[in-house]
N, C-alpha and C. Protein backbone atom coordinates (compact mmCIF):
# COMPACT_ATOMS: atom_id res chain seq x y z
N MET A 1 22.62 7.53 33.91
CA MET A 1 23.98 7.68 33.14
C MET A 1 25.00 8.30 33.62
N ASP A 2 26.10 7.82 33.82
CA ASP A 2 27.27 8.30 34.42
C ASP A 2 27.98 9.38 33.59
N HIS A 3 28.95 9.98 34.36
CA HIS A 3 29.73 11.07 33.78
C HIS A 3 30.35 10.55 32.47
N VAL A 4 30.92 9.59 32.29
CA VAL A 4 31.59 9.02 30.93
C VAL A 4 30.50 8.92 30.07
N GLY A 5 29.22 8.50 30.33
CA GLY A 5 28.22 8.21 29.24
C GLY A 5 27.82 9.82 28.70
N TYR A 6 27.67 10.73 29.87
CA TYR A 6 27.27 12.05 29.28
C TYR A 6 28.36 12.39 28.06
N VAL A 7 29.78 12.48 28.65
CA VAL A 7 30.72 13.02 27.77
C VAL A 7 30.72 12.14 26.59
N GLU A 8 30.59 10.90 26.27
CA GLU A 8 30.66 10.11 25.03
C GLU A 8 29.49 10.66 24.25
N ARG A 9 28.27 10.75 25.05
CA ARG A 9 27.10 11.42 24.05
C ARG A 9 27.47 12.73 23.60
N ILE A 10 27.90 13.59 24.34
CA ILE A 10 28.31 14.89 23.90
C ILE A 10 29.24 14.87 22.71
N GLU A 11 30.19 14.08 22.88
CA GLU A 11 31.07 13.87 21.76
C GLU A 11 30.66 13.35 20.41
N ALA A 12 29.60 12.39 20.78
CA ALA A 12 29.07 11.91 19.52
C ALA A 12 28.21 12.88 18.89
N LEU A 13 27.55 13.70 19.59
CA LEU A 13 26.70 14.88 18.98
C LEU A 13 27.66 15.87 18.34
N ILE A 14 28.66 16.23 19.07
CA ILE A 14 29.79 16.99 18.25
C ILE A 14 29.96 16.49 17.19
N THR A 15 30.00 15.44 16.99
CA THR A 15 30.69 14.66 15.68
C THR A 15 29.67 14.83 14.53
N ARG A 16 28.35 14.38 14.97
CA ARG A 16 27.17 14.67 14.23
C ARG A 16 27.20 16.18 13.60
N LEU A 17 27.44 17.12 14.55
CA LEU A 17 27.21 18.41 14.25
C LEU A 17 28.20 18.90 13.33
N ASP A 18 29.45 18.31 13.49
CA ASP A 18 30.50 18.64 12.48
C ASP A 18 30.15 18.19 11.14
N GLU A 19 29.52 16.98 10.96
CA GLU A 19 29.27 16.47 9.69
C GLU A 19 27.92 17.11 9.20
N ALA A 20 26.95 17.53 10.02
CA ALA A 20 25.94 18.24 9.24
C ALA A 20 26.28 19.75 8.81
N GLN A 21 27.26 20.48 9.52
CA GLN A 21 27.79 21.71 9.13
C GLN A 21 28.30 21.46 7.61
N ARG A 22 29.30 20.29 7.46
CA ARG A 22 29.91 19.99 6.20
C ARG A 22 28.48 19.87 5.12
N ILE A 23 27.63 19.30 5.53
CA ILE A 23 26.46 18.98 4.51
C ILE A 23 25.91 20.27 4.19
N LEU A 24 25.54 20.94 5.37
CA LEU A 24 25.07 22.38 5.20
C LEU A 24 25.76 23.41 4.29
N PHE A 25 27.22 23.41 4.35
CA PHE A 25 27.80 24.05 3.46
C PHE A 25 27.70 23.53 1.91
N LYS A 26 27.72 22.56 1.78
CA LYS A 26 27.63 21.74 0.50
C LYS A 26 26.20 22.28 -0.08
N GLN A 27 25.22 21.86 0.75
CA GLN A 27 23.86 22.37 0.36
C GLN A 27 23.53 23.95 -0.05
N ALA A 28 24.15 24.63 0.88
CA ALA A 28 24.37 25.98 0.61
C ALA A 28 24.78 26.32 -0.77
N LYS A 29 25.63 25.74 -1.34
CA LYS A 29 26.37 25.83 -2.58
C LYS A 29 25.29 25.39 -3.55
N GLU A 30 24.71 24.24 -3.46
CA GLU A 30 23.80 23.62 -4.35
C GLU A 30 22.57 24.51 -4.38
N LYS A 31 22.15 25.17 -3.46
CA LYS A 31 20.97 26.06 -3.47
C LYS A 31 21.26 27.13 -3.96
N ALA A 32 22.57 27.93 -4.06
CA ALA A 32 22.88 28.95 -4.87
C ALA A 32 23.09 28.69 -6.35
N GLU A 33 23.36 27.50 -6.58
CA GLU A 33 23.51 27.28 -7.94
C GLU A 33 22.44 26.83 -8.55
N SER A 34 21.39 26.19 -8.02
CA SER A 34 20.10 26.13 -8.53
C SER A 34 19.35 27.35 -8.78
N GLU A 35 19.69 28.24 -7.80
CA GLU A 35 19.00 29.61 -8.09
C GLU A 35 19.50 30.07 -9.24
N ARG A 36 20.71 30.06 -9.46
CA ARG A 36 21.43 30.57 -10.59
C ARG A 36 20.86 30.15 -11.90
N VAL A 37 20.79 28.86 -11.95
CA VAL A 37 20.57 28.13 -13.27
C VAL A 37 19.21 28.53 -13.33
N TYR A 38 18.11 28.34 -12.52
CA TYR A 38 16.65 28.82 -12.72
C TYR A 38 16.66 30.09 -13.18
N ARG A 39 17.11 31.15 -12.89
CA ARG A 39 17.19 32.46 -13.23
C ARG A 39 17.68 32.89 -14.76
N MET A 40 18.93 32.22 -14.91
CA MET A 40 19.42 31.98 -16.40
C MET A 40 18.48 31.46 -17.09
N ASP A 41 17.98 30.46 -16.91
CA ASP A 41 16.93 29.71 -17.79
C ASP A 41 15.72 30.32 -17.96
N LEU A 42 15.29 31.11 -17.01
CA LEU A 42 14.02 31.91 -16.93
C LEU A 42 14.22 33.36 -17.97
N ALA A 43 15.24 33.97 -17.67
CA ALA A 43 15.60 35.08 -18.55
C ALA A 43 15.89 34.39 -20.13
N GLN A 44 16.57 33.38 -20.13
CA GLN A 44 16.47 33.06 -21.55
C GLN A 44 15.25 32.78 -22.35
N GLU A 45 14.55 32.20 -21.42
CA GLU A 45 13.12 31.81 -21.98
C GLU A 45 12.16 32.95 -22.18
N ILE A 46 12.16 34.11 -21.38
CA ILE A 46 11.64 35.13 -21.53
C ILE A 46 12.06 35.94 -22.88
N LEU A 47 13.31 35.78 -23.20
CA LEU A 47 13.81 36.45 -24.28
C LEU A 47 13.40 35.73 -25.67
N ARG A 48 13.28 34.47 -25.45
CA ARG A 48 12.89 33.48 -26.58
C ARG A 48 11.38 33.82 -27.02
N LEU A 49 10.75 33.85 -25.88
CA LEU A 49 9.22 34.24 -26.15
C LEU A 49 8.91 35.47 -26.57
N ARG A 50 9.75 36.55 -26.20
CA ARG A 50 9.50 37.81 -26.65
C ARG A 50 9.76 38.05 -27.91
N ALA A 51 11.02 37.21 -28.49
CA ALA A 51 11.50 37.24 -29.94
C ALA A 51 10.37 36.36 -30.75
N GLU A 52 9.55 35.69 -30.37
CA GLU A 52 8.63 34.89 -31.04
C GLU A 52 7.23 35.59 -31.24
N GLY A 53 7.29 36.92 -30.57
CA GLY A 53 6.21 37.74 -30.53
C GLY A 53 5.12 37.46 -29.57
N GLN A 54 5.40 36.71 -28.52
CA GLN A 54 4.35 36.41 -27.68
C GLN A 54 3.80 37.67 -26.86
N PRO A 55 2.49 37.84 -26.38
CA PRO A 55 2.10 39.17 -25.87
C PRO A 55 2.62 38.99 -24.39
N VAL A 56 3.46 40.33 -24.10
CA VAL A 56 4.32 40.85 -23.15
C VAL A 56 3.49 40.26 -21.72
N ALA A 57 2.21 40.81 -21.49
CA ALA A 57 1.28 40.03 -20.64
C ALA A 57 1.32 38.95 -20.11
N ILE A 58 1.76 37.92 -20.80
CA ILE A 58 1.80 36.20 -20.71
C ILE A 58 2.99 35.69 -20.68
N VAL A 59 4.19 36.59 -21.16
CA VAL A 59 5.55 36.01 -21.31
C VAL A 59 5.91 35.49 -19.90
N GLY A 60 5.86 36.39 -18.78
CA GLY A 60 6.59 35.79 -17.45
C GLY A 60 5.75 34.49 -17.15
N ASP A 61 4.42 34.33 -17.29
CA ASP A 61 3.80 33.18 -16.98
C ASP A 61 4.28 31.83 -17.89
N LEU A 62 4.45 32.19 -19.27
CA LEU A 62 4.74 31.05 -20.18
C LEU A 62 6.06 30.58 -19.93
N ALA A 63 7.03 31.64 -19.35
CA ALA A 63 8.51 31.40 -19.23
C ALA A 63 8.58 30.61 -17.82
N ARG A 64 7.89 31.00 -16.92
CA ARG A 64 7.88 30.15 -15.38
C ARG A 64 7.34 28.91 -15.77
N GLY A 65 6.27 28.52 -16.73
CA GLY A 65 5.82 27.20 -17.07
C GLY A 65 6.85 26.24 -17.82
N SER A 66 7.65 27.02 -18.42
CA SER A 66 8.62 26.29 -19.44
C SER A 66 9.85 26.12 -18.35
N CYS A 67 9.97 26.59 -17.47
CA CYS A 67 11.11 26.39 -16.60
C CYS A 67 10.72 25.67 -15.04
N ALA A 68 9.78 25.00 -15.18
CA ALA A 68 9.20 24.57 -14.01
C ALA A 68 10.12 23.24 -13.27
N ASP A 69 10.86 22.74 -14.09
CA ASP A 69 11.75 21.66 -13.81
C ASP A 69 12.93 22.23 -12.84
N GLU A 70 13.50 23.61 -13.28
CA GLU A 70 14.48 24.13 -12.82
C GLU A 70 13.98 24.76 -11.45
N LYS A 71 12.76 25.34 -11.53
CA LYS A 71 12.07 25.91 -10.28
C LYS A 71 12.00 24.88 -9.29
N PHE A 72 11.67 23.84 -9.90
CA PHE A 72 11.30 22.43 -8.72
C PHE A 72 12.87 22.10 -7.98
N GLN A 73 13.83 22.17 -8.74
CA GLN A 73 15.22 21.99 -8.24
C GLN A 73 15.72 23.10 -7.30
N ARG A 74 15.21 24.34 -7.65
CA ARG A 74 15.51 25.41 -6.91
C ARG A 74 15.02 25.09 -5.43
N ASP A 75 13.74 24.90 -5.55
CA ASP A 75 12.81 24.91 -4.21
C ASP A 75 13.16 23.73 -3.44
N PHE A 76 13.43 22.53 -4.21
CA PHE A 76 14.12 21.44 -3.42
C PHE A 76 15.28 21.66 -2.50
N ALA A 77 16.19 22.38 -3.39
CA ALA A 77 17.58 22.58 -2.87
C ALA A 77 17.25 23.40 -1.51
N GLU A 78 16.24 24.44 -1.61
CA GLU A 78 16.09 25.33 -0.45
C GLU A 78 15.41 24.51 0.71
N SER A 79 14.56 23.55 0.26
CA SER A 79 14.04 22.62 1.28
C SER A 79 15.03 21.89 2.29
N ARG A 80 16.06 21.23 1.42
CA ARG A 80 16.89 20.48 1.87
C ARG A 80 17.97 21.36 2.81
N PHE A 81 18.17 22.42 2.24
CA PHE A 81 19.00 23.47 3.08
C PHE A 81 18.20 23.84 4.19
N ARG A 82 17.12 24.16 4.45
CA ARG A 82 16.52 24.34 5.38
C ARG A 82 16.43 23.30 6.37
N ALA A 83 15.80 21.88 6.15
CA ALA A 83 16.01 20.99 6.96
C ALA A 83 17.21 20.58 7.46
N THR A 84 18.33 20.66 6.83
CA THR A 84 19.80 20.59 7.42
C THR A 84 19.88 21.54 8.49
N LEU A 85 19.56 22.73 8.24
CA LEU A 85 19.74 23.93 9.19
C LEU A 85 18.86 23.78 10.31
N GLU A 86 17.71 23.12 10.15
CA GLU A 86 17.05 22.67 11.44
C GLU A 86 17.71 21.54 12.02
N ALA A 87 18.18 20.67 11.57
CA ALA A 87 18.85 19.52 12.27
C ALA A 87 19.90 20.02 13.04
N VAL A 88 20.80 20.80 12.41
CA VAL A 88 21.95 21.54 13.03
C VAL A 88 21.41 22.27 14.42
N GLU A 89 20.40 22.91 14.32
CA GLU A 89 19.74 23.41 15.63
C GLU A 89 19.39 22.46 16.41
N ILE A 90 18.84 21.26 16.16
CA ILE A 90 18.32 20.29 16.95
C ILE A 90 19.55 19.63 17.68
N ILE A 91 20.73 19.55 16.67
CA ILE A 91 21.73 18.98 17.53
C ILE A 91 22.31 19.87 18.58
N LYS A 92 22.46 21.14 18.33
CA LYS A 92 22.89 22.04 19.06
C LYS A 92 22.06 22.08 20.38
N VAL A 93 20.70 21.88 20.30
CA VAL A 93 19.88 22.08 21.68
C VAL A 93 20.09 20.62 22.30
N GLN A 94 20.26 19.47 21.72
CA GLN A 94 20.59 18.11 22.33
C GLN A 94 22.13 18.37 23.21
N ILE A 95 22.89 18.87 22.39
CA ILE A 95 24.17 19.13 23.22
C ILE A 95 24.14 19.87 24.30
N SER A 96 23.45 21.12 24.29
CA SER A 96 23.31 21.94 25.33
C SER A 96 22.26 21.31 26.64
N ALA A 97 21.38 20.48 26.29
CA ALA A 97 20.67 19.93 27.35
C ALA A 97 21.38 18.88 28.11
N LEU A 98 22.31 17.98 27.19
CA LEU A 98 23.40 17.04 27.89
C LEU A 98 24.42 17.92 28.67
N GLN A 99 24.86 19.18 28.26
CA GLN A 99 25.57 19.77 29.22
C GLN A 99 25.19 20.04 30.58
N SER A 100 23.57 20.63 30.40
CA SER A 100 23.09 21.04 31.51
C SER A 100 22.94 20.00 32.38
N LEU A 101 22.32 18.60 31.86
CA LEU A 101 22.30 17.52 32.75
C LEU A 101 23.57 16.97 33.43
N TYR A 102 24.85 17.00 32.81
CA TYR A 102 26.15 16.78 33.21
C TYR A 102 26.55 17.54 34.26
N ARG A 103 26.05 19.03 34.06
CA ARG A 103 26.82 20.13 35.23
C ARG A 103 25.85 19.85 36.52
N ASN A 104 24.38 19.27 36.47
CA ASN A 104 23.75 19.12 37.40
C ASN A 104 23.81 17.80 38.09
N MET A 105 24.77 16.86 37.62
CA MET A 105 24.88 15.55 38.27
C MET A 105 25.30 15.73 39.55
N ASP A 106 24.98 14.70 40.42
CA ASP A 106 25.45 14.49 41.80
C ASP A 106 25.01 15.43 42.72
């Protein structure tokens, strides 16, 4: 690969990095929002179960079971966020490797 080829590949990776960072910011917001929703629903469910007279020892487990969909959404948002974060790191490594190869050309 010639000098121009390295520069073009680095520029393409920088473009991907910019897009990945925008996605990461969006996913961070979704992650936080899903955590908020889960905690609010869990608290409401605990209060409802307590008001119904459910034994305190099992209220937490029952509430978490009732909020399983919200917990799934929270966990899924966390997983997407971490995957995108790893993708950002991979792009950074690719850019660094190309820069090293470019510097050592000729």
